[in-house]
C-alpha cells in the first residue's frame, strides 16, 4: 500500500476517496529508559532508548492505519499526518496518532 503525506499522488489518478482513517499507538516508557534519558540530558547527546520507542510507536500506528485503509478496500493513503504526545501523570506513556485519507488509485 502506498502511504503519502501529500494530498495527491504524482503520476497516479485517484479514482475514489474512501474516507478518513485513523490509528493510535501508545507505548509505556519504563524506569530504565527514564534513568538513561536523564543521564543523557545531563551529559548531552541523544536519548536512543526514547528514539527507538518513538520509532516503534510510529511503526505500529502506520501499520494499523494501513490495516484500517485495507479494510475499506483502499490501495493508498494520502495526506498522512503523525502527531506525538506524552500521557500519564508523569508523562510515562508515549502516544503516536496517525490519520489520512484512504483512496483507490491507479
Protein backbone atom coordinates (compact mmCIF):
# COMPACT_ATOMS: atom_id res chain seq x y z
CA UNK A 1 0.00 0.00 0.00
CA UNK A 2 1.23 3.46 -0.89
CA UNK A 3 1.29 5.88 2.06
CA UNK A 4 1.96 9.56 1.37
CA UNK A 5 1.96 12.81 3.32
CA UNK A 6 0.92 14.68 0.18
CA UNK A 7 -2.68 15.30 -0.86
CA UNK A 8 -2.14 13.94 -4.36
CA UNK A 9 -0.07 11.21 -5.97
CA UNK A 10 2.24 12.25 -8.77
CA UNK A 11 1.63 10.34 -11.99
CA UNK A 12 -1.29 8.47 -10.37
CA UNK A 13 -5.02 9.05 -10.74
CA UNK A 14 -7.11 8.87 -7.59
CA UNK A 15 -10.31 7.11 -8.61
CA UNK A 16 -12.12 7.06 -5.28
CA UNK A 17 -11.82 8.68 -1.85
CA UNK A 18 -12.94 6.18 0.79
CA UNK A 19 -12.77 8.39 3.86
CA UNK A 20 -10.57 9.31 6.78
CA UNK A 21 -8.68 6.57 8.59
CA UNK A 22 -7.03 6.98 12.00
CA UNK A 23 -4.92 4.93 14.36
CA UNK A 24 -3.14 5.30 17.66
CA UNK A 25 -0.21 3.56 19.31
CA UNK A 26 0.52 4.06 23.00
CA UNK A 27 3.72 2.68 24.48
CA UNK A 28 4.93 2.94 28.05
CA UNK A 29 8.36 4.35 28.75
CA UNK A 30 9.87 2.35 31.59
CA UNK A 31 12.00 3.50 34.51
CA UNK A 32 15.26 2.32 32.92
CA UNK A 33 14.67 4.43 29.82
CA UNK A 34 13.86 7.37 32.10
CA UNK A 35 17.07 6.86 34.04
CA UNK A 36 19.26 6.68 30.93
CA UNK A 37 17.46 9.62 29.33
CA UNK A 38 18.11 11.68 32.47
CA UNK A 39 21.81 10.84 32.29
CA UNK A 40 21.83 11.75 28.59
CA UNK A 41 20.15 15.07 29.41
CA UNK A 42 22.90 15.85 31.93
CA UNK A 43 25.90 14.88 29.79
CA UNK A 44 24.38 15.74 26.41
CA UNK A 45 23.66 13.60 23.40
CA UNK A 46 20.69 11.73 22.06
CA UNK A 47 18.27 9.64 24.08
CA UNK A 48 18.46 6.49 21.96
CA UNK A 49 16.04 4.46 24.10
CA UNK A 50 13.30 7.05 23.66
CA UNK A 51 14.05 7.40 19.96
CA UNK A 52 13.67 3.65 19.49
CA UNK A 53 10.41 3.69 21.46
CA UNK A 54 9.06 6.55 19.33
CA UNK A 55 10.03 4.72 16.13
CA UNK A 56 8.30 1.57 17.41
CA UNK A 57 5.13 3.53 18.21
CA UNK A 58 5.26 5.24 14.80
CA UNK A 59 5.63 1.90 13.02
CA UNK A 60 2.70 0.42 14.94
CA UNK A 61 0.48 3.44 14.21
CA UNK A 62 1.27 3.31 10.48
CA UNK A 63 0.70 -0.46 10.32
CA UNK A 64 -2.69 -0.04 11.98
CA UNK A 65 -3.53 2.87 9.66
CA UNK A 66 -2.69 0.69 6.67
CA UNK A 67 -4.82 -2.17 8.00
CA UNK A 68 -7.82 0.11 8.51
CA UNK A 69 -7.47 1.51 4.99
CA UNK A 70 -7.19 -2.02 3.57
CA UNK A 71 -10.41 -2.94 5.39
CA UNK A 72 -12.10 -0.21 3.32
CA UNK A 73 -10.64 -1.63 0.10
CA UNK A 74 -8.03 1.11 -0.32
CA UNK A 75 -4.69 0.68 -2.03
CA UNK A 76 -3.31 4.02 -0.82
CA UNK A 77 -3.49 6.61 1.95
CA UNK A 78 -2.86 10.28 1.24
CA UNK A 79 -2.44 13.34 3.45
CA UNK A 80 -0.95 11.28 6.28
CA UNK A 81 -0.17 13.23 9.44
CA UNK A 82 1.61 11.91 12.52
CA UNK A 83 1.29 13.50 15.96
CA UNK A 84 3.25 12.71 19.10
CA UNK A 85 2.09 13.19 22.70
CA UNK A 86 3.03 12.13 26.20
CA UNK A 87 0.35 10.76 28.51
CA UNK A 88 0.08 9.82 32.15
CA UNK A 89 0.72 11.66 35.38
CA UNK A 90 4.49 11.75 34.81
CA UNK A 91 4.44 11.64 31.01
CA UNK A 92 5.38 7.96 31.20
CA UNK A 93 3.38 6.94 28.15
CA UNK A 94 4.21 7.89 24.57
CA UNK A 95 1.40 8.14 22.02
CA UNK A 96 1.60 8.41 18.26
CA UNK A 97 -1.56 9.14 16.30
CA UNK A 98 -1.79 8.79 12.54
CA UNK A 99 -4.54 9.93 10.21
CA UNK A 100 -5.02 10.20 6.48
CA UNK A 101 -7.48 9.67 3.65
CA UNK A 102 -7.92 6.16 2.27
CA UNK A 103 -8.05 6.12 -1.53
CA UNK A 104 -8.15 3.84 -4.52
CA UNK A 105 -5.69 4.93 -7.19
CA UNK A 106 -4.40 3.53 -10.45
